[in-house]
C-alpha atoms as a PDB file:
ATOM      1  CA  MET A   1     -37.431-160.796 -62.600  1.00  0.00           C
ATOM      2  CA  GLY A   2     -34.082-161.375 -64.056  1.00  0.00           C
ATOM      3  CA  LEU A   3     -30.772-159.817 -63.097  1.00  0.00           C
ATOM      4  CA  LYS A   4     -29.540-156.794 -65.086  1.00  0.00           C
ATOM      5  CA  ILE A   5     -25.794-156.928 -66.071  1.00  0.00           C
ATOM      6  CA  SER A   6     -23.690-153.899 -66.687  1.00  0.00           C
ATOM      7  CA  VAL A   7     -20.230-154.243 -68.562  1.00  0.00           C
ATOM      8  CA  ALA A   8     -17.628-151.804 -67.083  1.00  0.00           C
ATOM      9  CA  MET A   9     -14.899-151.264 -69.640  1.00  0.00           C
ATOM     10  CA  CYS A  10     -11.890-148.892 -69.518  1.00  0.00           C
ATOM     11  CA  THR A  11      -9.967-147.769 -72.476  1.00  0.00           C
ATOM     12  CA  PHE A  12      -6.682-145.990 -73.276  1.00  0.00           C
ATOM     13  CA  ASN A  13      -5.164-145.812 -76.680  1.00  0.00           C
ATOM     14  CA  GLY A  14      -6.624-149.281 -77.296  1.00  0.00           C
ATOM     15  CA  LYS A  15      -7.444-148.903 -81.027  1.00  0.00           C
ATOM     16  CA  GLN A  16      -5.439-152.073 -82.083  1.00  0.00           C
ATOM     17  CA  PHE A  17      -7.632-154.624 -80.475  1.00  0.00           C
ATOM     18  CA  LEU A  18     -10.681-152.808 -79.314  1.00  0.00           C
ATOM     19  CA  GLY A  19     -12.803-153.662 -82.318  1.00  0.00           C
ATOM     20  CA  SER A  20     -12.711-157.482 -81.611  1.00  0.00           C
ATOM     21  CA  GLN A  21     -13.534-157.012 -77.980  1.00  0.00           C
ATOM     22  CA  LEU A  22     -16.595-154.717 -78.650  1.00  0.00           C
ATOM     23  CA  GLU A  23     -17.843-157.304 -81.311  1.00  0.00           C
ATOM     24  CA  SER A  24     -17.368-160.126 -78.820  1.00  0.00           C
ATOM     25  CA  LEU A  25     -19.838-158.085 -76.452  1.00  0.00           C
ATOM     26  CA  ALA A  26     -22.268-157.503 -79.122  1.00  0.00           C
ATOM     27  CA  THR A  27     -22.541-161.177 -79.933  1.00  0.00           C
ATOM     28  CA  GLN A  28     -23.050-162.570 -76.516  1.00  0.00           C
ATOM     29  CA  ASP A  29     -25.857-165.148 -76.217  1.00  0.00           C
ATOM     30  CA  ARG A  30     -27.018-163.169 -73.352  1.00  0.00           C
ATOM     31  CA  LEU A  31     -26.432-159.441 -74.145  1.00  0.00           C
ATOM     32  CA  PRO A  32     -25.422-156.850 -71.518  1.00  0.00           C
ATOM     33  CA  ASP A  33     -28.068-154.613 -70.432  1.00  0.00           C
ATOM     34  CA  GLU A  34     -25.605-151.800 -70.709  1.00  0.00           C
ATOM     35  CA  LEU A  35     -22.022-151.003 -71.677  1.00  0.00           C
ATOM     36  CA  ILE A  36     -20.128-148.390 -69.744  1.00  0.00           C
ATOM     37  CA  VAL A  37     -16.858-147.209 -71.393  1.00  0.00           C
ATOM     38  CA  CYS A  38     -14.567-144.871 -69.597  1.00  0.00           C
ATOM     39  CA  ASP A  39     -11.703-143.547 -71.687  1.00  0.00           C
ATOM     40  CA  ASP A  40      -8.559-142.170 -69.930  1.00  0.00           C
ATOM     41  CA  GLY A  41      -7.681-139.511 -72.590  1.00  0.00           C
ATOM     42  CA  SER A  42      -6.914-141.682 -75.788  1.00  0.00           C
ATOM     43  CA  SER A  43      -5.267-140.053 -78.838  1.00  0.00           C
ATOM     44  CA  ASP A  44      -5.463-142.937 -81.340  1.00  0.00           C
ATOM     45  CA  GLY A  45      -9.006-142.932 -82.314  1.00  0.00           C
ATOM     46  CA  THR A  46     -10.205-145.248 -79.600  1.00  0.00           C
ATOM     47  CA  CYS A  47     -13.224-142.954 -78.577  1.00  0.00           C
ATOM     48  CA  GLU A  48     -14.278-142.755 -82.200  1.00  0.00           C
ATOM     49  CA  ILE A  49     -14.435-146.625 -82.315  1.00  0.00           C
ATOM     50  CA  VAL A  50     -16.602-146.592 -79.345  1.00  0.00           C
ATOM     51  CA  ARG A  51     -18.896-144.035 -80.678  1.00  0.00           C
ATOM     52  CA  GLU A  52     -19.325-145.754 -83.911  1.00  0.00           C
ATOM     53  CA  PHE A  53     -20.047-149.036 -82.163  1.00  0.00           C
ATOM     54  CA  GLY A  54     -22.664-147.395 -79.935  1.00  0.00           C
ATOM     55  CA  GLN A  55     -24.661-146.195 -82.922  1.00  0.00           C
ATOM     56  CA  ASN A  56     -25.399-149.667 -84.220  1.00  0.00           C
ATOM     57  CA  ALA A  57     -24.771-151.890 -81.200  1.00  0.00           C
ATOM     58  CA  PRO A  58     -27.641-154.122 -80.015  1.00  0.00           C
ATOM     59  CA  LEU A  59     -27.026-152.769 -76.524  1.00  0.00           C
ATOM     60  CA  PRO A  60     -27.058-149.348 -74.770  1.00  0.00           C
ATOM     61  CA  THR A  61     -23.679-147.856 -74.782  1.00  0.00           C
ATOM     62  CA  ARG A  62     -22.385-144.934 -72.872  1.00  0.00           C
ATOM     63  CA  LEU A  63     -18.987-143.494 -73.426  1.00  0.00           C
ATOM     64  CA  PHE A  64     -17.331-141.095 -70.845  1.00  0.00           C
ATOM     65  CA  VAL A  65     -13.976-139.305 -71.702  1.00  0.00           C
ATOM     66  CA  ASN A  66     -11.932-138.175 -68.803  1.00  0.00           C
ATOM     67  CA  ASP A  67     -10.656-134.641 -68.750  1.00  0.00           C
ATOM     68  CA  ASP A  68      -7.535-135.852 -66.888  1.00  0.00           C
ATOM     69  CA  ASN A  69      -5.743-139.082 -66.917  1.00  0.00           C
ATOM     70  CA  LEU A  70      -6.946-141.096 -63.979  1.00  0.00           C
ATOM     71  CA  GLY A  71      -4.907-144.224 -64.354  1.00  0.00           C
ATOM     72  CA  SER A  72      -6.225-147.723 -64.733  1.00  0.00           C
ATOM     73  CA  THR A  73      -7.320-148.259 -61.028  1.00  0.00           C
ATOM     74  CA  LYS A  74      -9.335-145.029 -60.601  1.00  0.00           C
ATOM     75  CA  ASN A  75     -10.736-145.200 -64.095  1.00  0.00           C
ATOM     76  CA  PHE A  76     -12.224-148.680 -63.243  1.00  0.00           C
ATOM     77  CA  GLU A  77     -13.510-147.300 -60.086  1.00  0.00           C
ATOM     78  CA  GLN A  78     -15.168-144.544 -62.095  1.00  0.00           C
ATOM     79  CA  ALA A  79     -16.744-146.990 -64.698  1.00  0.00           C
ATOM     80  CA  ILE A  80     -18.184-149.257 -61.948  1.00  0.00           C
ATOM     81  CA  SER A  81     -19.717-146.245 -60.172  1.00  0.00           C
ATOM     82  CA  LEU A  82     -21.602-145.490 -63.400  1.00  0.00           C
ATOM     83  CA  CYS A  83     -23.261-148.959 -63.847  1.00  0.00           C
ATOM     84  CA  GLN A  84     -26.782-149.318 -63.054  1.00  0.00           C
ATOM     85  CA  GLY A  85     -27.088-153.101 -63.240  1.00  0.00           C
ATOM     86  CA  ASP A  86     -27.462-155.778 -60.495  1.00  0.00           C
ATOM     87  CA  ILE A  87     -24.272-157.386 -61.656  1.00  0.00           C
ATOM     88  CA  VAL A  88     -21.173-155.699 -63.023  1.00  0.00           C
ATOM     89  CA  ALA A  89     -18.645-157.553 -65.203  1.00  0.00           C
ATOM     90  CA  LEU A  90     -15.390-156.048 -65.751  1.00  0.00           C
ATOM     91  CA  ALA A  91     -13.852-155.886 -69.240  1.00  0.00           C
ATOM     92  CA  ASP A  92     -10.348-154.966 -70.629  1.00  0.00           C
ATOM     93  CA  GLN A  93     -10.081-153.331 -74.026  1.00  0.00           C
ATOM     94  CA  ASP A  94      -7.861-155.955 -75.740  1.00  0.00           C
ATOM     95  CA  ASP A  95      -9.471-159.313 -74.853  1.00  0.00           C
ATOM     96  CA  VAL A  96     -12.228-161.342 -76.584  1.00  0.00           C
ATOM     97  CA  TRP A  97     -15.142-162.675 -74.755  1.00  0.00           C
ATOM     98  CA  TYR A  98     -16.734-166.143 -75.805  1.00  0.00           C
ATOM     99  CA  ARG A  99     -20.394-166.088 -76.772  1.00  0.00           C
ATOM    100  CA  HIS A 100     -21.502-167.972 -73.557  1.00  0.00           C
ATOM    101  CA  LYS A 101     -19.562-165.699 -70.992  1.00  0.00           C
ATOM    102  CA  LEU A 102     -22.417-163.481 -69.643  1.00  0.00           C
ATOM    103  CA  ASP A 103     -24.902-166.502 -69.810  1.00  0.00           C
ATOM    104  CA  ARG A 104     -22.711-168.542 -67.709  1.00  0.00           C
ATOM    105  CA  ILE A 105     -21.995-165.587 -65.255  1.00  0.00           C
ATOM    106  CA  GLU A 106     -25.772-164.890 -64.891  1.00  0.00           C
ATOM    107  CA  LYS A 107     -26.539-168.542 -64.209  1.00  0.00           C
ATOM    108  CA  ALA A 108     -23.811-168.620 -61.335  1.00  0.00           C
ATOM    109  CA  PHE A 109     -25.484-165.695 -59.706  1.00  0.00           C
ATOM    110  CA  GLN A 110     -28.992-167.160 -60.150  1.00  0.00           C
ATOM    111  CA  ARG A 111     -28.169-170.360 -58.565  1.00  0.00           C
ATOM    112  CA  SER A 112     -27.610-168.740 -55.034  1.00  0.00           C
ATOM    113  CA  SER A 113     -28.046-165.427 -53.609  1.00  0.00           C
ATOM    114  CA  ALA A 114     -25.159-166.162 -51.363  1.00  0.00           C
ATOM    115  CA  ILE A 115     -22.819-165.912 -54.409  1.00  0.00           C
ATOM    116  CA  ILE A 116     -21.524-162.331 -54.529  1.00  0.00           C
ATOM    117  CA  ALA A 117     -18.808-162.455 -56.911  1.00  0.00           C
ATOM    118  CA  VAL A 118     -17.496-164.833 -59.677  1.00  0.00           C
ATOM    119  CA  PHE A 119     -14.299-165.115 -61.796  1.00  0.00           C
ATOM    120  CA  SER A 120     -13.310-167.567 -64.691  1.00  0.00           C
ATOM    121  CA  ASP A 121     -10.311-168.998 -66.127  1.00  0.00           C
ATOM    122  CA  ALA A 122      -9.476-167.924 -69.816  1.00  0.00           C
ATOM    123  CA  ASP A 123      -7.496-169.109 -72.736  1.00  0.00           C
ATOM    124  CA  LEU A 124      -4.525-167.075 -73.800  1.00  0.00           C
ATOM    125  CA  ILE A 125      -3.942-165.501 -77.181  1.00  0.00           C
ATOM    126  CA  ASP A 126      -1.086-163.298 -78.669  1.00  0.00           C
ATOM    127  CA  ASP A 127      -1.254-160.071 -80.744  1.00  0.00           C
ATOM    128  CA  SER A 128      -2.440-161.722 -83.753  1.00  0.00           C
ATOM    129  CA  GLY A 129      -5.209-163.718 -81.830  1.00  0.00           C
ATOM    130  CA  SER A 130      -3.380-166.953 -82.135  1.00  0.00           C
ATOM    131  CA  GLN A 131      -3.862-169.214 -79.077  1.00  0.00           C
ATOM    132  CA  LEU A 132      -0.982-169.824 -76.705  1.00  0.00           C
ATOM    133  CA  ARG A 133      -0.163-172.733 -74.615  1.00  0.00           C
ATOM    134  CA  GLY A 134      -1.772-173.172 -71.293  1.00  0.00           C
ATOM    135  CA  ARG A 135      -4.502-171.032 -69.707  1.00  0.00           C
ATOM    136  CA  LEU A 136      -4.743-167.968 -67.411  1.00  0.00           C
ATOM    137  CA  TRP A 137      -4.999-169.953 -64.235  1.00  0.00           C
ATOM    138  CA  ASP A 138      -1.946-172.045 -65.214  1.00  0.00           C
ATOM    139  CA  ALA A 139       0.137-168.747 -65.416  1.00  0.00           C
ATOM    140  CA  PHE A 140      -0.810-167.860 -61.741  1.00  0.00           C
ATOM    141  CA  SER A 141      -0.331-171.508 -60.524  1.00  0.00           C
ATOM    142  CA  PHE A 142      -3.934-171.530 -59.349  1.00  0.00           C
ATOM    143  CA  ASP A 143      -4.260-175.195 -59.039  1.00  0.00           C
ATOM    144  CA  LEU A 144      -6.915-177.498 -58.180  1.00  0.00           C
ATOM    145  CA  ASP A 145      -6.424-177.511 -54.387  1.00  0.00           C
ATOM    146  CA  GLU A 146      -6.615-173.550 -54.335  1.00  0.00           C
ATOM    147  CA  GLN A 147      -9.574-173.781 -56.617  1.00  0.00           C
ATOM    148  CA  LYS A 148     -11.246-176.108 -54.037  1.00  0.00           C
ATOM    149  CA  GLN A 149     -10.456-173.794 -51.228  1.00  0.00           C
ATOM    150  CA  PHE A 150     -12.359-170.872 -53.081  1.00  0.00           C
ATOM    151  CA  THR A 151     -15.258-173.225 -53.537  1.00  0.00           C
ATOM    152  CA  ASN A 152     -15.237-174.272 -49.902  1.00  0.00           C
ATOM    153  CA  GLY A 153     -15.366-170.608 -48.640  1.00  0.00           C
ATOM    154  CA  ARG A 154     -11.671-170.299 -48.053  1.00  0.00           C
ATOM    155  CA  ALA A 155     -10.867-167.678 -50.687  1.00  0.00           C
ATOM    156  CA  LEU A 156      -8.858-165.547 -48.312  1.00  0.00           C
ATOM    157  CA  ASN A 157      -6.400-168.343 -47.737  1.00  0.00           C
ATOM    158  CA  VAL A 158      -5.457-168.154 -51.399  1.00  0.00           C
ATOM    159  CA  LEU A 159      -5.584-164.325 -52.005  1.00  0.00           C
ATOM    160  CA  VAL A 160      -3.370-163.550 -49.013  1.00  0.00           C
ATOM    161  CA  LYS A 161      -0.813-165.862 -50.517  1.00  0.00           C
ATOM    162  CA  HIS A 162      -0.982-164.572 -54.191  1.00  0.00           C
ATOM    163  CA  PRO A 163      -3.513-162.805 -56.383  1.00  0.00           C
ATOM    164  CA  VAL A 164      -5.206-165.155 -58.606  1.00  0.00           C
ATOM    165  CA  VAL A 165      -8.409-163.121 -59.655  1.00  0.00           C
ATOM    166  CA  THR A 166      -7.862-161.133 -63.007  1.00  0.00           C
ATOM    167  CA  GLY A 167     -10.380-158.211 -63.211  1.00  0.00           C
ATOM    168  CA  ALA A 168     -11.055-159.065 -66.907  1.00  0.00           C
ATOM    169  CA  THR A 169     -12.664-162.306 -65.677  1.00  0.00           C
ATOM    170  CA  MET A 170     -14.540-161.019 -62.603  1.00  0.00           C
ATOM    171  CA  ALA A 171     -18.062-160.094 -62.155  1.00  0.00           C
ATOM    172  CA  PHE A 172     -19.784-159.100 -58.753  1.00  0.00           C
ATOM    173  CA  ARG A 173     -22.850-157.657 -57.367  1.00  0.00           C
ATOM    174  CA  ARG A 174     -23.245-153.922 -57.783  1.00  0.00           C
ATOM    175  CA  GLU A 175     -24.594-153.467 -54.263  1.00  0.00           C
ATOM    176  CA  LEU A 176     -21.185-154.079 -52.752  1.00  0.00           C
ATOM    177  CA  PHE A 177     -19.488-151.322 -54.488  1.00  0.00           C
ATOM    178  CA  ASP A 178     -19.531-149.126 -51.397  1.00  0.00           C
ATOM    179  CA  ILE A 179     -17.431-151.679 -49.658  1.00  0.00           C
ATOM    180  CA  VAL A 180     -14.664-151.625 -52.213  1.00  0.00           C
ATOM    181  CA  ALA A 181     -14.696-147.863 -53.106  1.00  0.00           C
ATOM    182  CA  PRO A 182     -12.696-145.687 -52.949  1.00  0.00           C
ATOM    183  CA  ILE A 183      -9.937-147.869 -54.239  1.00  0.00           C
ATOM    184  CA  SER A 184      -6.412-146.749 -53.563  1.00  0.00           C
ATOM    185  CA  SER A 185      -4.811-145.518 -56.639  1.00  0.00           C
ATOM    186  CA  HIS A 186      -1.363-147.226 -55.413  1.00  0.00           C
ATOM    187  CA  ASP A 187      -3.009-150.750 -55.737  1.00  0.00           C
ATOM    188  CA  LEU A 188      -4.384-152.791 -58.638  1.00  0.00           C
ATOM    189  CA  HIS A 189      -8.179-152.738 -58.874  1.00  0.00           C
ATOM    190  CA  ASP A 190      -8.570-156.539 -59.379  1.00  0.00           C
ATOM    191  CA  TRP A 191      -6.442-157.417 -56.384  1.00  0.00           C
ATOM    192  CA  TRP A 192      -8.074-154.700 -54.037  1.00  0.00           C
ATOM    193  CA  ILE A 193     -11.752-155.573 -55.078  1.00  0.00           C
ATOM    194  CA  SER A 194     -11.193-159.525 -55.017  1.00  0.00           C
ATOM    195  CA  PHE A 195      -9.666-159.366 -51.476  1.00  0.00           C
ATOM    196  CA  LEU A 196     -12.519-157.258 -50.119  1.00  0.00           C
ATOM    197  CA  LEU A 197     -15.298-159.295 -51.771  1.00  0.00           C
ATOM    198  CA  ALA A 198     -13.828-162.433 -50.449  1.00  0.00           C
ATOM    199  CA  SER A 199     -14.090-160.759 -46.958  1.00  0.00           C
ATOM    200  CA  TYR A 200     -17.676-160.517 -47.420  1.00  0.00           C
ATOM    201  CA  GLY A 201     -19.065-163.719 -48.727  1.00  0.00           C
ATOM    202  CA  GLN A 202     -18.890-166.537 -51.339  1.00  0.00           C
ATOM    203  CA  PHE A 203     -16.590-165.798 -54.304  1.00  0.00           C
ATOM    204  CA  GLU A 204     -16.959-168.627 -56.940  1.00  0.00           C
ATOM    205  CA  PRO A 205     -14.473-169.636 -59.500  1.00  0.00           C
ATOM    206  CA  ILE A 206     -15.627-170.879 -62.815  1.00  0.00           C
ATOM    207  CA  SER A 207     -12.919-173.401 -64.062  1.00  0.00           C
ATOM    208  CA  ASP A 208     -14.140-173.249 -67.840  1.00  0.00           C
ATOM    209  CA  PRO A 209     -12.317-170.468 -69.842  1.00  0.00           C
ATOM    210  CA  LEU A 210     -15.063-167.916 -70.706  1.00  0.00           C
ATOM    211  CA  MET A 211     -12.787-165.484 -72.812  1.00  0.00           C
ATOM    212  CA  GLN A 212      -9.485-165.178 -74.503  1.00  0.00           C
ATOM    213  CA  TYR A 213      -6.991-163.059 -72.586  1.00  0.00           C
ATOM    214  CA  ARG A 214      -4.564-161.332 -74.885  1.00  0.00           C
ATOM    215  CA  ARG A 215      -1.004-161.495 -73.841  1.00  0.00           C
ATOM    216  CA  HIS A 216       0.945-158.697 -75.558  1.00  0.00           C
ATOM    217  CA  GLN A 217       3.780-156.249 -74.815  1.00  0.00           C
ATOM    218  CA  GLY A 218       1.520-153.164 -74.668  1.00  0.00           C
ATOM    219  CA  GLN A 219      -0.686-154.248 -71.724  1.00  0.00           C
ATOM    220  CA  GLN A 220      -0.396-152.618 -68.514  1.00  0.00           C
ATOM    221  CA  GLU A 221      -0.310-155.452 -66.307  1.00  0.00           C
ATOM    222  CA  GLY A 222       1.036-158.722 -67.699  1.00  0.00           C
ATOM    223  CA  LEU A 223       1.314-162.216 -66.613  1.00  0.00           C
ATOM    224  CA  PRO A 224       4.294-163.868 -64.896  1.00  0.00           C
ATOM    225  CA  PRO A 225       7.152-164.723 -67.128  1.00  0.00           C
ATOM    226  CA  ARG A 226       6.867-168.195 -68.876  1.00  0.00           C
ATOM    227  CA  VAL A 227      10.497-169.388 -69.113  1.00  0.00           C
ATOM    228  CA  PRO A 228      12.929-170.304 -66.394  1.00  0.00           C
ATOM    229  CA  GLY A 229      15.409-167.628 -67.343  1.00  0.00           C
ATOM    230  CA  ALA A 230      12.763-164.812 -67.317  1.00  0.00           C
ATOM    231  CA  LEU A 231      11.586-166.001 -63.688  1.00  0.00           C
ATOM    232  CA  VAL A 232      15.183-165.836 -62.543  1.00  0.00           C
ATOM    233  CA  ALA A 233      15.765-162.427 -64.066  1.00  0.00           C
ATOM    234  CA  GLN A 234      12.578-161.224 -62.368  1.00  0.00           C
ATOM    235  CA  ALA A 235      13.588-162.742 -58.966  1.00  0.00           C
ATOM    236  CA  ARG A 236      16.720-160.816 -58.939  1.00  0.00           C
ATOM    237  CA  THR A 237      15.047-157.591 -59.313  1.00  0.00           C
ATOM    238  CA  ARG A 238      12.955-158.260 -56.151  1.00  0.00           C
ATOM    239  CA  GLY A 239      14.981-156.572 -53.424  1.00  0.00           C
ATOM    240  CA  PRO A 240      13.710-155.215 -49.937  1.00  0.00           C
ATOM    241  CA  ASN A 241      11.618-152.333 -51.870  1.00  0.00           C
ATOM    242  CA  PHE A 242       9.588-154.942 -53.562  1.00  0.00           C
ATOM    243  CA  TYR A 243       8.324-156.500 -50.289  1.00  0.00           C
ATOM    244  CA  LEU A 244       8.046-153.135 -48.660  1.00  0.00           C
ATOM    245  CA  GLU A 245       5.680-152.059 -51.465  1.00  0.00           C
ATOM    246  CA  GLN A 246       3.617-155.197 -50.876  1.00  0.00           C
ATOM    247  CA  ILE A 247       3.560-154.415 -47.110  1.00  0.00           C
ATOM    248  CA  GLU A 248       2.358-150.862 -47.721  1.00  0.00           C
ATOM    249  CA  GLY A 249      -0.507-152.322 -49.934  1.00  0.00           C
ATOM    250  CA  PHE A 250      -1.573-154.813 -47.296  1.00  0.00           C
ATOM    251  CA  HIS A 251      -1.600-152.049 -44.569  1.00  0.00           C
ATOM    252  CA  ARG A 252      -4.087-150.040 -46.762  1.00  0.00           C
ATOM    253  CA  LEU A 253      -6.260-153.206 -47.140  1.00  0.00           C
ATOM    254  CA  HIS A 254      -6.033-153.775 -43.431  1.00  0.00           C
ATOM    255  CA  ALA A 255      -7.247-150.315 -42.647  1.00  0.00           C
ATOM    256  CA  ARG A 256     -10.211-150.604 -45.064  1.00  0.00           C
ATOM    257  CA  LEU A 257     -11.253-153.845 -43.467  1.00  0.00           C
ATOM    258  CA  GLY A 258     -11.353-152.116 -40.177  1.00  0.00           C
ATOM    259  CA  GLU A 259     -13.546-149.307 -41.589  1.00  0.00           C
ATOM    260  CA  HIS A 260     -16.050-151.770 -42.825  1.00  0.00           C
ATOM    261  CA  ARG A 261     -15.747-154.391 -40.063  1.00  0.00           C
ATOM    262  CA  ALA A 262     -19.411-154.228 -39.073  1.00  0.00           C
ATOM    263  CA  GLY A 263     -20.426-155.161 -42.835  1.00  0.00           C
ATOM    264  CA  LEU A 264     -17.826-157.839 -43.565  1.00  0.00           C
ATOM    265  CA  PRO A 265     -18.492-161.163 -41.972  1.00  0.00           C
ATOM    266  CA  TYR A 266     -14.850-162.296 -42.472  1.00  0.00           C
ATOM    267  CA  ALA A 267     -13.021-159.065 -41.572  1.00  0.00           C
ATOM    268  CA  ASP A 268     -11.579-160.303 -38.619  1.00  0.00           C
ATOM    269  CA  CYS A 269     -10.212-163.265 -40.295  1.00  0.00           C
ATOM    270  CA  ALA A 270      -8.913-161.276 -43.208  1.00  0.00           C
ATOM    271  CA  GLN A 271      -7.114-158.789 -40.989  1.00  0.00           C
ATOM    272  CA  MET A 272      -5.360-161.673 -38.981  1.00  0.00           C
ATOM    273  CA  GLU A 273      -4.173-163.189 -42.297  1.00  0.00           C
ATOM    274  CA  ILE A 274      -2.971-159.805 -43.378  1.00  0.00           C
ATOM    275  CA  GLU A 275      -1.038-159.307 -40.136  1.00  0.00           C
ATOM    276  CA  ARG A 276       0.609-162.654 -40.817  1.00  0.00           C
ATOM    277  CA  LYS A 277       1.345-161.792 -44.321  1.00  0.00           C
ATOM    278  CA  ILE A 278       2.912-158.623 -43.426  1.00  0.00           C
ATOM    279  CA  SER A 279       5.239-160.286 -40.786  1.00  0.00           C
ATOM    280  CA  HIS A 280       6.315-162.868 -43.497  1.00  0.00           C
ATOM    281  CA  LEU A 281       7.065-160.146 -46.003  1.00  0.00           C
ATOM    282  CA  ALA A 282       8.946-158.199 -43.431  1.00  0.00           C
ATOM    283  CA  ARG A 283      11.226-161.111 -42.544  1.00  0.00           C
ATOM    284  CA  ARG A 284      11.963-161.446 -46.363  1.00  0.00           C
ATOM    285  CA  ALA A 285      12.788-157.822 -46.756  1.00  0.00           C
ATOM    286  CA  GLN A 286      15.088-157.964 -43.762  1.00  0.00           C
ATOM    287  CA  LEU A 287      17.192-160.878 -44.942  1.00  0.00           C
ATOM    288  CA  PRO A 288      20.938-160.221 -44.924  1.00  0.00           C
ATOM    289  CA  ARG A 289      22.667-159.553 -47.995  1.00  0.00           C
ATOM    290  CA  ALA A 290      25.315-162.455 -47.543  1.00  0.00           C
ATOM    291  CA  ARG A 291      23.671-165.786 -48.680  1.00  0.00           C
ATOM    292  CA  VAL A 292      25.185-167.849 -46.005  1.00  0.00           C
ATOM    293  CA  ALA A 293      23.906-165.571 -43.313  1.00  0.00           C
ATOM    294  CA  ARG A 294      20.277-165.885 -44.757  1.00  0.00           C
ATOM    295  CA  ILE A 295      20.094-169.603 -44.133  1.00  0.00           C
ATOM    296  CA  PRO A 296      19.032-169.669 -40.319  1.00  0.00           C
ATOM    297  CA  GLU A 297      16.405-166.817 -41.234  1.00  0.00           C
ATOM    298  CA  VAL A 298      15.051-168.660 -44.219  1.00  0.00           C
ATOM    299  CA  LEU A 299      14.930-172.065 -42.558  1.00  0.00           C
ATOM    300  CA  ARG A 300      13.143-170.572 -39.479  1.00  0.00           C
ATOM    301  CA  GLU A 301      10.387-169.057 -41.642  1.00  0.00           C
ATOM    302  CA  ALA A 302      10.142-172.295 -43.508  1.00  0.00           C
ATOM    303  CA  PHE A 303       9.609-174.286 -40.433  1.00  0.00           C
ATOM    304  CA  ASN A 304       7.060-171.779 -39.200  1.00  0.00           C
ATOM    305  CA  GLY A 305       4.956-172.234 -42.371  1.00  0.00           C
ATOM    306  CA  GLY A 306       5.425-168.724 -43.636  1.00  0.00           C
ATOM    307  CA  TYR A 307       6.672-169.747 -47.115  1.00  0.00           C
ATOM    308  CA  ARG A 308       3.984-172.398 -47.558  1.00  0.00           C
ATOM    309  CA  ARG A 309       1.039-170.054 -46.558  1.00  0.00           C
ATOM    310  CA  TYR A 310       2.177-166.773 -47.606  1.00  0.00           C
ATOM    311  CA  SER A 311       4.611-167.201 -50.676  1.00  0.00           C
ATOM    312  CA  ALA A 312       5.416-169.751 -53.322  1.00  0.00           C
ATOM    313  CA  GLY A 313       6.644-172.588 -50.994  1.00  0.00           C
ATOM    314  CA  TRP A 314       9.874-174.027 -52.127  1.00  0.00           C
ATOM    315  CA  ASN A 315      10.334-171.874 -55.152  1.00  0.00           C
ATOM    316  CA  SER A 316      10.396-168.704 -52.625  1.00  0.00           C
ATOM    317  CA  ILE A 317      12.866-170.576 -50.352  1.00  0.00           C
ATOM    318  CA  ALA A 318      15.204-171.248 -53.281  1.00  0.00           C
ATOM    319  CA  ARG A 319      14.819-167.628 -54.527  1.00  0.00           C
ATOM    320  CA  ASP A 320      15.770-166.323 -51.000  1.00  0.00           C
ATOM    321  CA  LEU A 321      18.748-168.731 -50.539  1.00  0.00           C
ATOM    322  CA  LEU A 322      20.244-168.776 -54.025  1.00  0.00           C
ATOM    323  CA  ILE A 323      19.075-165.620 -56.179  1.00  0.00           C
ATOM    324  CA  ARG A 324      18.637-162.538 -54.208  1.00  0.00           C
END
């Protein structure tokens, strides 16, 4: 018997791009077994678009409209909880899926029961749908070495360094939802889910782009800046509070791993890496204001391997020495 696939989509004032995304779901070579849409209080006609789509769609479509605005993270948690399929594929309202996306995802899960989650690369498009240079993984510096680490069962080594899994490209086994829920409203759902799933089992990257990821000004969580000037400007905004907020998030993740240690084969390893990550972030947060005074601390952390294992290597060293 084949796997049943649910698509969990969250919407909020997404009228501008929603039609294209829904059409791409309806024309999948392997249709979803259901589409769950949770709307977070749209006022632009988004719900009407979903209702009209559902009347003629070649797949069962259920729309849930929140009485109160939950925010993206809790809204995705709700959408996933309502899914009834064996596999849940997450969907944003403003992207476009290639026809073969769900077929490729299903084949990955059918290949081995050990695979508990997958995620793919994506092409980048702008507001008008024109293709942009590069791909999604390029934007996150998710290179071949890190892709091999994922494939070889060392996803945690990558995720503790930086988030590379975009929720819109991810699918996972619905039976694992109890491990990731409840999701902290203070954290991004894709970061939270991907780390906990990597603590459970095999998380497989699919290097082919299976969708078009729309890069536009209105999106809630965008990609890293593309030009050096913007990168420098971003770095200058990252004071101690930036690192302290990350530390708080990792503390929440560490606590959840402790709660589910018995059911997470790699929980101990994950907690140990988190503890080291927190120590690294704390050192960066506590760097002196004077640049000259930072040099010994930065060099010490560099020789200890902290920047290589838990930040962006030489780029982070240069940021701490020259920009902050």
